[in-house]
Amino acid sequence: TMGAVAVTEQAIINEAHERGFVVPDRKRHEGNTAAAGAYVAYPKKGLHDWIGAIDINSLYPSAIRALNMDPATIVGQLRPDYNDAHVDEAMGNKKSFAEAWEGKFGSTEYQMVMDQDTVDEIVVEWEDARSDEILTGAQIYKKIFLEGNPWMLSANGTIFTYEHKGIIPGLLERWYKERQEMQKIKGEQTTPESKAFWDKRQLVKKINLNSLYGAILNPGCRFFDKRIGQSTTLSGRNIAKFMSSEVNRIITGKKDHVGDSIIYGDTDSVYFSAWPIIKDAVAKGEMEWDKNLCVQLYDNIAEQVNEVFPRHMKEAFNCPRENGEIIQGGREIVAIKGLYITKKRYACLIYDLEGARLDRDGPGKVKAMGLDLKRSDTPKSIQDFLSTILLGVLTGDDRDTVIEKIRDFKQDFKHRPAWEKGTPKRCNNLTKFTEEERRQGKANMPGHVRASMNWNTLKNMNSDKYSQTIMDGQKVIVCKLRANPLGMKSVAYPTDELHIPQWFKDLPFDEGEMETTIIGNKVDNLLGVLDWDLVTDTDTNTTFDSLFTFE
């Protein structure tokens, strides 16, 4: 939001004024301002054992500091002619902007420099008064990496100097130190209240650190510069790829960011497991293995990766060692088991979080990302059920056990009132769509808005003066209907309606369809990747074939 951008912008202005700099006027920005996003890998779907994760400390702020990214430190830019042509071609083939950047860890021009290409020519746009230069990738590599110039090359093809520290990197460095000090003070506190206070203080600094990158990429910010924003994301991609490759090299001996030990990668994190490599040796008794040994191994892997970050930063960007040492990772989790579904959707059972054991009084803590058990359109009872079967899977439940749990819940769910089987939604713009319907006779609108309108219509038809009228922004439960004379496919009711009217209870609810939507689809979304081939149990009335389709 512009509020957050304004706070960051003012902080940069204050920092510049303290150094005696004059801040430039706000510029007009034309053309495409979109920048490449973070690296998110496709996970290796299914269940995995003995998972570890390493994440880089404040990746984007650290990348900005390491490459000294600042409007005043830009020396030049490799004009992205080849890269723009690649993106335009991909988007011409119906790919999205994000898809056009899929699998790229630097601009095309940056890669040509790193490959020391001697064929194609690149235009170097210098920031000072000198004329643009046309050079090959090999010539640019020599100029930046071999001739002793105090320059660094970002993965976006932006050349920065490290002769003097930029305003933005200096501000980030100060905020980072302040946050570390607050975290230290938090650790020294003896009461829950004081710990919570200092935790909030350090969280504010964390938000400041992470929001600065977003502000620089916001065209409304005075310091907006796509070159810096995209240098941050692409250099971050490069660093994350290296971390994954190095983890896989340590475990398997092969440098590969999607190698046998790598499960998933997301922005600043890599999820991995040594288990596929060592399980045979453990089974034969050639190697000891338990929770403590796993923690020790994964801690050691994180330490080894940290040792080589400075070398990579020198080789990839020409960062001086002092700058390269800014990039540091930490072992975040060790999990006994994890379920990976797709990008941004996974769950794992953590027993060690940054050195703190979570399995003292139970199996551990479930970390669930992007799953239906967290979504607001999933009823609380279904969330609890999904959490139960997920925990079961992560603690070793087999297919038959899960089927039995689903069957039991399904039978219990059948006996609930039909209107309790609906889907929670929030009804926005009801007034707008109601007015369009009145003017046009039939207006297109989201299904849950139509269902809310149907409630208001039926309420009036039944002369119901006591039930609530659904208003804009109200939370509702949407219930599907069987064929009826009014042609209504669904109807909603307010979630906070204390008395469900009899006319509503008498409606022809499509309970089978609602059960499929609210249970079957949710379970399929969660466990479909297991390919457990759930089949109909002829001893029950539950038709599992129709409820659960696993690919």
Protein backbone atom coordinates (compact mmCIF):
# COMPACT_ATOMS: atom_id res chain seq x y z
CA THR A 1 0.00 0.00 0.00
CA MET A 2 1.04 3.60 -0.42
CA GLY A 3 1.04 3.91 3.38
CA ALA A 4 3.81 1.33 3.71
CA VAL A 5 5.61 2.78 0.68
CA ALA A 6 5.45 6.26 2.21
CA VAL A 7 7.04 5.04 5.46
CA THR A 8 9.90 3.39 3.56
CA GLU A 9 10.32 6.36 1.25
CA GLN A 10 10.57 8.78 4.16
CA ALA A 11 13.11 6.54 5.91
CA ILE A 12 15.34 6.60 2.80
CA ILE A 13 14.94 10.39 2.52
CA ASN A 14 15.93 10.85 6.18
CA GLU A 15 18.95 8.58 5.75
CA ALA A 16 20.03 10.52 2.66
CA HIS A 17 19.66 13.88 4.43
CA GLU A 18 21.74 12.64 7.37
CA ARG A 19 24.54 11.95 4.90
CA GLY A 20 24.17 15.37 3.30
CA PHE A 21 22.64 14.16 0.03
CA VAL A 22 19.98 15.99 -1.95
CA VAL A 23 17.03 13.72 -2.77
CA PRO A 24 15.90 13.76 -6.43
CA ASP A 25 12.39 14.73 -7.48
CA ARG A 26 9.79 12.09 -8.16
CA LYS A 27 10.04 10.78 -11.73
CA ARG A 28 7.35 9.78 -14.19
CA HIS A 29 7.55 6.11 -15.15
CA GLU A 30 6.48 4.87 -18.54
CA GLY A 31 6.51 1.46 -20.17
CA ASN A 32 6.49 -1.94 -18.51
CA THR A 33 7.25 -1.76 -14.79
CA ALA A 34 6.68 -5.47 -14.04
CA ALA A 35 9.68 -7.32 -12.63
CA ALA A 36 10.51 -11.02 -12.36
CA GLY A 37 9.35 -12.61 -9.12
CA ALA A 38 10.87 -15.06 -6.67
CA TYR A 39 12.07 -18.58 -7.44
CA VAL A 40 9.49 -21.20 -6.52
CA ALA A 41 10.28 -24.77 -7.53
CA TYR A 42 7.85 -27.52 -8.45
CA PRO A 43 7.97 -29.93 -5.51
CA LYS A 44 8.57 -33.65 -5.78
CA LYS A 45 5.00 -34.64 -5.01
CA GLY A 46 4.04 -37.12 -2.32
CA LEU A 47 5.27 -38.18 1.11
CA HIS A 48 8.88 -37.64 2.12
CA ASP A 49 10.77 -38.74 5.24
CA TRP A 50 13.37 -36.95 7.37
CA ILE A 51 13.04 -33.48 5.85
CA GLY A 52 15.34 -30.58 6.56
CA ALA A 53 15.04 -26.95 5.49
CA ILE A 54 17.60 -24.17 5.23
CA ASP A 55 16.48 -20.61 4.68
CA ILE A 56 18.60 -17.57 3.92
CA ASN A 57 18.42 -14.82 6.50
CA SER A 58 16.42 -11.90 5.04
CA LEU A 59 17.29 -12.87 1.46
CA TYR A 60 16.14 -9.73 -0.36
CA PRO A 61 17.53 -7.17 2.12
CA SER A 62 20.75 -9.20 2.27
CA ALA A 63 21.02 -9.33 -1.53
CA ILE A 64 20.55 -5.55 -1.71
CA ARG A 65 23.30 -5.08 0.88
CA ALA A 66 25.66 -7.63 -0.67
CA LEU A 67 25.48 -6.05 -4.14
CA ASN A 68 25.28 -2.50 -2.72
CA MET A 69 22.11 -1.81 -4.72
CA ASP A 70 21.20 1.86 -4.70
CA PRO A 71 20.24 4.47 -7.32
CA ALA A 72 23.53 6.26 -6.59
CA THR A 73 25.72 3.14 -6.99
CA ILE A 74 24.49 2.08 -10.44
CA VAL A 75 27.36 2.24 -12.92
CA GLY A 76 25.62 0.76 -15.93
CA GLN A 77 23.03 -1.64 -17.30
CA LEU A 78 23.27 -4.41 -19.87
CA ARG A 79 20.38 -3.44 -22.13
CA PRO A 80 17.96 -6.38 -22.00
CA ASP A 81 17.34 -6.71 -25.74
CA TYR A 82 17.70 -10.50 -25.82
CA ASN A 83 15.84 -11.00 -22.57
CA ASP A 84 12.93 -8.75 -23.59
CA ALA A 85 12.68 -10.67 -26.88
CA HIS A 86 12.53 -13.95 -24.93
CA VAL A 87 9.78 -12.66 -22.62
CA ASP A 88 7.80 -11.15 -25.52
CA GLU A 89 8.02 -14.41 -27.47
CA ALA A 90 6.88 -16.46 -24.47
CA MET A 91 3.95 -14.12 -23.80
CA GLY A 92 3.11 -14.24 -27.51
CA ASN A 93 2.76 -17.99 -27.05
CA LYS A 94 0.06 -17.39 -24.41
CA LYS A 95 2.38 -17.71 -21.41
CA SER A 96 2.02 -15.34 -18.47
CA PHE A 97 4.79 -12.93 -17.48
CA ALA A 98 5.68 -15.22 -14.55
CA GLU A 99 5.73 -18.29 -16.81
CA ALA A 100 8.06 -16.47 -19.21
CA TRP A 101 10.57 -16.24 -16.35
CA GLU A 102 10.11 -19.88 -15.28
CA GLY A 103 13.47 -21.62 -14.93
CA LYS A 104 15.53 -18.43 -15.42
CA PHE A 105 18.03 -17.46 -12.72
CA GLY A 106 19.31 -14.35 -14.41
CA SER A 107 18.65 -12.24 -17.47
CA THR A 108 19.74 -13.58 -20.85
CA GLU A 109 22.43 -10.90 -21.00
CA TYR A 110 23.75 -11.85 -17.55
CA GLN A 111 23.98 -15.48 -18.61
CA MET A 112 25.86 -14.49 -21.78
CA VAL A 113 28.42 -12.68 -19.62
CA MET A 114 28.81 -15.63 -17.24
CA ASP A 115 29.22 -17.96 -20.24
CA GLN A 116 31.83 -15.51 -21.61
CA ASP A 117 30.03 -15.59 -24.94
CA THR A 118 32.14 -14.29 -27.83
CA VAL A 119 29.48 -14.24 -30.56
CA ASP A 120 26.50 -12.06 -29.66
CA GLU A 121 26.91 -8.39 -28.79
CA ILE A 122 25.36 -6.62 -25.81
CA VAL A 123 24.70 -2.91 -25.43
CA VAL A 124 26.09 -1.52 -22.16
CA GLU A 125 24.22 1.61 -21.08
CA TRP A 126 26.58 3.57 -18.83
CA GLU A 127 25.03 5.72 -16.13
CA ASP A 128 27.50 8.59 -16.55
CA ALA A 129 27.92 10.83 -19.58
CA ARG A 130 29.91 8.37 -21.66
CA SER A 131 28.33 6.80 -24.73
CA ASP A 132 26.79 3.34 -24.76
CA GLU A 133 29.23 0.54 -25.60
CA ILE A 134 28.65 -2.58 -27.67
CA LEU A 135 30.59 -5.52 -26.22
CA THR A 136 30.46 -9.31 -26.20
CA GLY A 137 29.71 -11.25 -23.04
CA ALA A 138 33.38 -12.23 -22.78
CA GLN A 139 34.52 -8.59 -22.99
CA ILE A 140 32.05 -7.52 -20.30
CA TYR A 141 33.15 -10.43 -18.08
CA LYS A 142 36.78 -9.32 -18.41
CA LYS A 143 35.90 -5.69 -17.64
CA ILE A 144 33.94 -6.56 -14.48
CA PHE A 145 35.60 -9.70 -13.11
CA LEU A 146 39.24 -9.50 -14.28
CA GLU A 147 40.35 -5.89 -14.70
CA GLY A 148 40.15 -4.85 -11.05
CA ASN A 149 37.26 -2.42 -11.43
CA PRO A 150 35.27 -1.97 -8.18
CA TRP A 151 32.14 -3.27 -9.85
CA MET A 152 29.59 -6.00 -9.23
CA LEU A 153 27.18 -7.46 -11.78
CA SER A 154 23.69 -8.42 -10.61
CA ALA A 155 21.75 -11.29 -12.17
CA ASN A 156 19.66 -8.61 -13.89
CA GLY A 157 22.72 -7.34 -15.74
CA THR A 158 22.95 -4.18 -13.61
CA ILE A 159 26.46 -2.99 -12.74
CA PHE A 160 26.93 -1.56 -9.22
CA THR A 161 30.03 -0.05 -7.63
CA TYR A 162 31.28 -1.00 -4.17
CA GLU A 163 33.57 2.05 -3.83
CA HIS A 164 31.07 3.70 -1.45
CA LYS A 165 28.11 2.29 0.47
CA GLY A 166 24.72 3.23 -0.94
CA ILE A 167 21.98 4.94 1.07
CA ILE A 168 19.61 1.98 0.88
CA PRO A 169 22.18 -0.73 1.81
CA GLY A 170 23.32 1.46 4.72
CA LEU A 171 19.76 1.87 5.96
CA LEU A 172 19.15 -1.88 5.70
CA GLU A 173 22.36 -2.61 7.58
CA ARG A 174 21.27 -0.35 10.44
CA TRP A 175 17.79 -1.88 10.58
CA TYR A 176 19.27 -5.38 10.51
CA LYS A 177 21.56 -4.59 13.47
CA GLU A 178 18.67 -2.99 15.37
CA ARG A 179 16.55 -6.10 14.81
CA GLN A 180 19.35 -8.38 16.03
CA GLU A 181 19.68 -6.25 19.16
CA MET A 182 15.91 -6.46 19.77
CA GLN A 183 16.01 -10.24 19.32
CA LYS A 184 18.83 -10.42 21.87
CA ILE A 185 16.85 -8.31 24.36
CA LYS A 186 13.80 -10.51 23.77
CA GLY A 187 15.85 -13.59 24.68
CA GLU A 188 16.91 -11.96 27.96
CA GLN A 189 13.34 -11.24 29.11
CA THR A 190 11.88 -13.27 31.97
CA THR A 191 8.14 -12.58 31.65
CA PRO A 192 5.74 -13.52 28.83
CA GLU A 193 4.58 -9.89 28.59
CA SER A 194 8.06 -8.47 28.06
CA LYS A 195 8.96 -11.25 25.64
CA ALA A 196 5.81 -10.48 23.62
CA PHE A 197 6.66 -6.76 23.66
CA TRP A 198 10.17 -7.24 22.27
CA ASP A 199 8.92 -9.84 19.82
CA LYS A 200 6.56 -7.23 18.38
CA ARG A 201 9.40 -4.68 18.25
CA GLN A 202 11.66 -7.01 16.27
CA LEU A 203 8.74 -7.96 14.02
CA VAL A 204 8.28 -4.29 13.08
CA LYS A 205 11.94 -4.17 12.03
CA LYS A 206 11.51 -7.37 10.04
CA ILE A 207 8.56 -5.83 8.21
CA ASN A 208 10.62 -2.68 7.56
CA LEU A 209 13.44 -4.78 6.10
CA ASN A 210 11.21 -6.82 3.83
CA SER A 211 8.94 -3.98 2.73
CA LEU A 212 11.80 -1.86 1.42
CA TYR A 213 12.28 -4.15 -1.57
CA GLY A 214 8.56 -3.94 -2.33
CA ALA A 215 8.64 -0.16 -2.11
CA ILE A 216 11.49 0.09 -4.60
CA LEU A 217 9.42 -1.95 -7.05
CA ASN A 218 6.31 0.21 -6.54
CA PRO A 219 6.00 2.84 -9.32
CA GLY A 220 4.45 5.17 -6.76
CA CYS A 221 7.69 5.30 -4.77
CA ARG A 222 10.09 8.20 -5.34
CA PHE A 223 12.98 5.70 -5.46
CA PHE A 224 11.30 3.24 -7.83
CA ASP A 225 13.87 1.60 -10.10
CA LYS A 226 13.03 -1.58 -11.95
CA ARG A 227 16.73 -2.29 -12.35
CA ILE A 228 17.21 -2.49 -8.58
CA GLY A 229 13.97 -4.40 -7.98
CA GLN A 230 14.69 -7.01 -10.63
CA SER A 231 18.34 -7.19 -9.57
CA THR A 232 17.05 -8.15 -6.13
CA THR A 233 14.70 -10.91 -7.30
CA LEU A 234 16.98 -12.40 -9.95
CA SER A 235 20.07 -12.31 -7.74
CA GLY A 236 17.90 -13.88 -5.03
CA ARG A 237 16.93 -16.63 -7.49
CA ASN A 238 20.59 -17.20 -8.31
CA ILE A 239 21.55 -17.46 -4.63
CA ALA A 240 18.64 -19.81 -3.85
CA LYS A 241 19.57 -22.04 -6.79
CA PHE A 242 23.17 -22.20 -5.61
CA MET A 243 22.04 -23.12 -2.09
CA SER A 244 19.92 -25.99 -3.43
CA SER A 245 22.75 -27.18 -5.69
CA GLU A 246 25.24 -27.09 -2.84
CA VAL A 247 22.93 -29.00 -0.49
CA ASN A 248 22.50 -31.68 -3.13
CA ARG A 249 26.27 -31.79 -3.74
CA ILE A 250 26.99 -32.31 -0.04
CA ILE A 251 24.45 -35.14 0.19
CA THR A 252 24.83 -36.87 -3.19
CA GLY A 253 28.11 -35.56 -4.60
CA LYS A 254 26.35 -33.96 -7.58
CA LYS A 255 25.69 -30.25 -8.10
CA ASP A 256 22.03 -30.08 -9.11
CA HIS A 257 19.42 -27.70 -7.71
CA VAL A 258 16.68 -30.29 -8.38
CA GLY A 259 18.81 -33.34 -7.53
CA ASP A 260 17.83 -36.53 -5.71
CA SER A 261 17.97 -34.95 -2.24
CA ILE A 262 16.01 -31.79 -3.11
CA ILE A 263 12.26 -31.86 -2.40
CA TYR A 264 11.19 -28.24 -2.84
CA GLY A 265 12.44 -24.66 -3.01
CA ASP A 266 10.54 -21.45 -2.28
CA THR A 267 12.06 -17.95 -2.53
CA ASP A 268 14.70 -18.18 0.21
CA SER A 269 14.33 -21.79 1.35
CA VAL A 270 15.33 -25.28 0.27
CA TYR A 271 13.62 -28.42 1.56
CA PHE A 272 15.73 -31.54 1.30
CA SER A 273 16.18 -35.07 2.63
CA ALA A 274 19.23 -37.30 2.95
CA TRP A 275 16.96 -40.29 3.57
CA PRO A 276 16.67 -41.52 -0.06
CA ILE A 277 20.48 -41.66 -0.20
CA ILE A 278 21.15 -43.30 3.18
CA LYS A 279 18.08 -45.45 3.85
CA ASP A 280 19.60 -48.63 2.41
CA ALA A 281 22.72 -48.23 4.57
CA VAL A 282 20.53 -47.66 7.64
CA ALA A 283 18.42 -50.73 6.80
CA LYS A 284 21.57 -52.89 6.53
CA GLY A 285 22.87 -51.64 9.87
CA GLU A 286 25.84 -49.91 8.24
CA MET A 287 24.79 -46.50 9.55
CA GLU A 288 23.15 -45.31 12.75
CA TRP A 289 20.12 -43.06 12.42
CA ASP A 290 17.73 -41.34 14.80
CA LYS A 291 16.20 -37.92 15.39
CA ASN A 292 19.28 -36.48 17.09
CA LEU A 293 21.68 -37.71 14.40
CA CYS A 294 19.39 -36.25 11.73
CA VAL A 295 19.48 -32.84 13.43
CA GLN A 296 23.28 -32.99 13.68
CA LEU A 297 23.64 -33.92 10.01
CA TYR A 298 21.32 -31.18 8.77
CA ASP A 299 22.98 -28.57 11.01
CA ASN A 300 26.32 -29.60 9.53
CA ILE A 301 24.96 -29.30 5.98
CA ALA A 302 23.75 -25.75 6.72
CA GLU A 303 27.19 -24.82 8.11
CA GLN A 304 28.94 -26.21 5.02
CA VAL A 305 26.65 -24.22 2.72
CA ASN A 306 27.38 -21.01 4.66
CA GLU A 307 31.12 -21.55 4.25
CA VAL A 308 30.88 -21.40 0.45
CA PHE A 309 28.42 -18.50 0.06
CA PRO A 310 31.22 -15.87 -0.10
CA ARG A 311 32.99 -17.80 -2.87
CA HIS A 312 29.77 -18.06 -4.87
CA MET A 313 29.01 -14.35 -4.42
CA LYS A 314 32.48 -13.57 -5.78
CA GLU A 315 32.15 -15.95 -8.74
CA ALA A 316 28.55 -15.02 -9.63
CA PHE A 317 28.53 -11.26 -8.95
CA ASN A 318 32.16 -10.22 -8.20
CA CYS A 319 31.21 -9.32 -4.62
CA PRO A 320 34.14 -8.57 -2.28
CA ARG A 321 34.39 -11.17 0.50
CA GLU A 322 33.02 -8.74 3.10
CA ASN A 323 29.87 -8.30 1.00
CA GLY A 324 29.61 -12.01 0.19
CA GLU A 325 29.62 -12.88 3.90
CA ILE A 326 26.33 -10.97 4.31
CA ILE A 327 24.53 -13.92 2.70
CA GLN A 328 24.00 -16.49 5.44
CA GLY A 329 21.54 -19.34 5.83
CA GLY A 330 20.23 -21.13 8.88
CA ARG A 331 18.82 -24.57 9.38
CA GLU A 332 15.15 -23.89 10.02
CA ILE A 333 13.27 -27.18 10.45
CA VAL A 334 13.79 -30.89 10.77
CA ALA A 335 10.60 -32.86 10.12
CA ILE A 336 9.90 -36.55 10.52
CA LYS A 337 7.64 -36.58 7.46
CA GLY A 338 6.15 -34.20 4.93
CA LEU A 339 3.44 -34.16 2.26
CA TYR A 340 4.16 -32.03 -0.82
CA ILE A 341 1.31 -31.33 -3.24
CA THR A 342 2.27 -28.44 -5.53
CA LYS A 343 3.83 -24.99 -5.36
CA LYS A 344 2.97 -23.22 -2.10
CA ARG A 345 0.95 -26.23 -0.86
CA TYR A 346 2.60 -28.63 1.55
CA ALA A 347 2.64 -29.85 5.14
CA CYS A 348 5.31 -31.35 7.36
CA LEU A 349 5.53 -32.63 10.93
CA ILE A 350 8.33 -30.64 12.56
CA TYR A 351 10.14 -32.01 15.59
CA ASP A 352 12.99 -29.48 15.69
CA LEU A 353 12.59 -25.80 14.86
CA GLU A 354 15.85 -23.82 14.80
CA GLY A 355 17.28 -25.95 17.62
CA ALA A 356 14.13 -26.06 19.77
CA ARG A 357 12.59 -29.52 20.14
CA LEU A 358 8.83 -29.64 19.54
CA ASP A 359 8.28 -33.35 20.23
CA ARG A 360 8.61 -33.32 24.02
CA ASP A 361 4.87 -33.70 24.66
CA GLY A 362 3.69 -35.12 21.35
CA PRO A 363 4.70 -36.00 17.80
CA GLY A 364 5.68 -32.41 16.96
CA LYS A 365 4.08 -29.44 15.24
CA VAL A 366 2.40 -29.56 11.84
CA LYS A 367 3.43 -26.78 9.46
CA ALA A 368 0.70 -26.51 6.81
CA MET A 369 0.95 -24.08 3.91
CA GLY A 370 -1.82 -23.28 1.42
CA LEU A 371 -4.05 -26.21 2.41
CA ASP A 372 -7.85 -26.28 2.76
CA LEU A 373 -7.55 -26.81 6.50
CA LYS A 374 -6.44 -23.16 6.66
CA ARG A 375 -8.91 -21.66 4.15
CA SER A 376 -11.81 -19.51 5.28
CA ASP A 377 -14.16 -21.25 2.82
CA THR A 378 -13.67 -24.54 4.67
CA PRO A 379 -16.10 -25.07 7.59
CA LYS A 380 -14.48 -25.46 11.02
CA SER A 381 -15.63 -29.07 11.36
CA ILE A 382 -14.04 -29.94 8.01
CA GLN A 383 -10.85 -28.07 8.94
CA ASP A 384 -10.61 -30.15 12.12
CA PHE A 385 -11.26 -33.38 10.19
CA LEU A 386 -8.64 -32.55 7.54
CA SER A 387 -6.16 -31.70 10.30
CA THR A 388 -6.84 -35.08 11.91
CA ILE A 389 -6.29 -37.15 8.78
CA LEU A 390 -3.26 -35.04 7.82
CA LEU A 391 -1.65 -35.64 11.21
CA GLY A 392 -2.47 -39.33 10.81
CA VAL A 393 -0.73 -39.50 7.44
CA LEU A 394 2.30 -37.62 8.81
CA THR A 395 2.54 -40.02 11.76
CA GLY A 396 2.34 -43.16 9.64
CA ASP A 397 -1.34 -43.97 8.98
CA ASP A 398 -1.71 -46.26 5.98
CA ARG A 399 -4.35 -46.12 3.26
CA ASP A 400 -6.83 -48.41 5.02
CA THR A 401 -6.67 -46.41 8.23
CA VAL A 402 -7.30 -43.15 6.36
CA ILE A 403 -10.24 -44.70 4.48
CA GLU A 404 -11.76 -45.81 7.77
CA LYS A 405 -11.45 -42.30 9.22
CA ILE A 406 -13.04 -40.79 6.11
CA ARG A 407 -15.86 -43.34 6.19
CA ASP A 408 -16.61 -42.66 9.86
CA PHE A 409 -16.64 -38.90 9.35
CA LYS A 410 -18.77 -39.21 6.22
CA GLN A 411 -21.39 -41.27 8.03
CA ASP A 412 -21.51 -38.75 10.87
CA PHE A 413 -21.69 -35.88 8.38
CA LYS A 414 -24.68 -37.48 6.60
CA HIS A 415 -26.81 -37.12 9.72
CA ARG A 416 -26.23 -33.38 10.08
CA PRO A 417 -28.88 -30.90 8.93
CA ALA A 418 -28.53 -30.18 5.22
CA TRP A 419 -27.85 -26.46 5.69
CA GLU A 420 -24.78 -27.27 7.82
CA LYS A 421 -23.16 -28.85 4.75
CA GLY A 422 -22.78 -25.58 2.86
CA THR A 423 -19.61 -23.68 2.00
CA PRO A 424 -18.59 -20.47 3.83
CA LYS A 425 -18.19 -17.38 1.65
CA ARG A 426 -18.12 -13.60 1.98
CA CYS A 427 -20.76 -11.76 -0.05
CA ASN A 428 -19.28 -8.63 -1.59
CA ASN A 429 -20.97 -6.19 -3.99
CA LEU A 430 -24.46 -7.60 -3.37
CA THR A 431 -26.09 -4.17 -3.68
CA LYS A 432 -24.33 -3.51 -6.99
CA PHE A 433 -25.36 -6.85 -8.52
CA THR A 434 -28.92 -6.59 -7.16
CA GLU A 435 -29.29 -3.21 -8.89
CA GLU A 436 -27.85 -4.63 -12.14
CA GLU A 437 -30.32 -7.51 -11.93
CA ARG A 438 -33.20 -5.05 -11.42
CA ARG A 439 -32.16 -2.94 -14.43
CA GLN A 440 -31.14 -5.70 -16.86
CA GLY A 441 -33.48 -8.49 -15.81
CA LYS A 442 -30.59 -10.99 -15.61
CA ALA A 443 -27.04 -10.04 -14.59
CA ASN A 444 -23.87 -12.12 -14.44
CA MET A 445 -22.47 -12.44 -10.93
CA PRO A 446 -20.47 -14.85 -8.72
CA GLY A 447 -22.47 -17.88 -7.60
CA HIS A 448 -22.31 -17.06 -3.90
CA VAL A 449 -23.66 -13.54 -4.60
CA ARG A 450 -26.54 -15.06 -6.56
CA ALA A 451 -27.16 -17.45 -3.65
CA SER A 452 -27.27 -14.50 -1.22
CA MET A 453 -29.69 -12.66 -3.48
CA ASN A 454 -31.85 -15.81 -3.52
CA TRP A 455 -32.02 -15.78 0.30
CA ASN A 456 -33.26 -12.19 0.29
CA THR A 457 -35.80 -13.04 -2.45
CA LEU A 458 -37.13 -16.14 -0.64
CA LYS A 459 -37.25 -14.25 2.66
CA ASN A 460 -39.56 -11.67 1.07
CA MET A 461 -41.63 -14.33 -0.73
CA ASN A 462 -42.26 -16.04 2.63
CA SER A 463 -43.10 -12.74 4.37
CA ASP A 464 -40.25 -13.41 6.82
CA LYS A 465 -39.87 -10.25 8.91
CA TYR A 466 -37.61 -11.84 11.54
CA SER A 467 -34.61 -13.31 9.69
CA GLN A 468 -31.67 -11.14 8.68
CA THR A 469 -31.36 -9.63 5.23
CA ILE A 470 -27.94 -10.39 3.73
CA MET A 471 -25.93 -7.19 3.25
CA ASP A 472 -22.71 -6.27 1.42
CA GLY A 473 -19.61 -7.89 2.90
CA GLN A 474 -21.55 -10.28 5.13
CA LYS A 475 -20.30 -13.83 5.75
CA VAL A 476 -22.70 -16.47 4.46
CA ILE A 477 -23.03 -20.24 4.03
CA VAL A 478 -23.87 -21.30 0.46
CA CYS A 479 -26.06 -24.41 0.03
CA LYS A 480 -26.72 -26.13 -3.30
CA LEU A 481 -30.28 -26.97 -4.36
CA ARG A 482 -31.83 -29.73 -6.44
CA ALA A 483 -34.01 -28.80 -9.42
CA ASN A 484 -36.91 -26.60 -8.27
CA PRO A 485 -39.75 -24.52 -9.80
CA LEU A 486 -37.91 -21.25 -9.13
CA GLY A 487 -34.83 -22.41 -11.04
CA MET A 488 -32.53 -21.57 -8.15
CA LYS A 489 -29.27 -23.54 -8.12
CA SER A 490 -28.15 -22.42 -4.67
CA VAL A 491 -29.16 -20.34 -1.69
CA ALA A 492 -27.11 -18.76 1.08
CA TYR A 493 -27.89 -17.82 4.66
CA PRO A 494 -26.07 -15.50 7.09
CA THR A 495 -23.51 -17.28 9.27
CA ASP A 496 -24.70 -15.34 12.32
CA GLU A 497 -28.41 -16.12 11.77
CA LEU A 498 -29.40 -17.56 15.16
CA HIS A 499 -32.78 -18.94 14.07
CA ILE A 500 -32.94 -20.82 10.77
CA PRO A 501 -36.53 -20.31 9.48
CA GLN A 502 -38.70 -23.31 8.65
CA TRP A 503 -39.22 -22.21 5.03
CA PHE A 504 -35.45 -22.46 4.58
CA LYS A 505 -35.21 -25.90 6.20
CA ASP A 506 -37.89 -27.18 3.78
CA LEU A 507 -35.89 -26.27 0.64
CA PRO A 508 -34.77 -29.14 -1.67
CA PHE A 509 -31.09 -29.20 -0.71
CA ASP A 510 -28.70 -31.23 -2.88
CA GLU A 511 -27.01 -32.97 0.03
CA GLY A 512 -25.05 -35.41 -2.12
CA GLU A 513 -23.47 -32.62 -4.16
CA MET A 514 -22.67 -30.61 -1.04
CA GLU A 515 -21.07 -33.62 0.65
CA THR A 516 -18.92 -34.19 -2.42
CA THR A 517 -17.86 -30.54 -2.49
CA ILE A 518 -17.23 -30.10 1.20
CA ILE A 519 -15.65 -33.50 1.97
CA GLY A 520 -14.68 -35.29 -1.22
CA ASN A 521 -13.02 -32.41 -3.02
CA LYS A 522 -11.28 -31.20 0.14
CA VAL A 523 -9.82 -34.64 0.86
CA ASP A 524 -8.82 -35.02 -2.78
CA ASN A 525 -7.04 -31.66 -2.66
CA LEU A 526 -5.14 -32.81 0.41
CA LEU A 527 -4.33 -36.46 -0.33
CA GLY A 528 -4.76 -36.81 -4.09
CA VAL A 529 -0.99 -36.86 -4.69
CA LEU A 530 -0.70 -40.11 -2.72
CA ASP A 531 -2.48 -42.02 -5.51
CA TRP A 532 -4.02 -44.40 -2.98
CA ASP A 533 -6.78 -45.48 -5.37
CA LEU A 534 -9.66 -45.29 -2.89
CA VAL A 535 -12.51 -47.56 -3.98
CA THR A 536 -16.13 -48.14 -3.06
CA ASP A 537 -16.74 -50.11 0.10
CA THR A 538 -19.90 -52.10 -0.74
CA ASP A 539 -20.76 -52.53 2.93
CA THR A 540 -21.57 -48.82 3.29
CA ASN A 541 -23.73 -46.30 1.53
CA THR A 542 -20.72 -44.08 0.89
CA THR A 543 -19.82 -43.99 -2.77
CA PHE A 544 -16.09 -43.38 -2.55
CA ASP A 545 -15.62 -43.64 -6.31
CA SER A 546 -17.79 -40.57 -6.81
CA LEU A 547 -16.43 -38.72 -3.82
CA PHE A 548 -12.71 -39.16 -4.31
CA THR A 549 -10.97 -39.19 -7.66
CA PHE A 550 -7.23 -39.60 -7.29
CA GLU A 551 -5.01 -39.11 -10.30
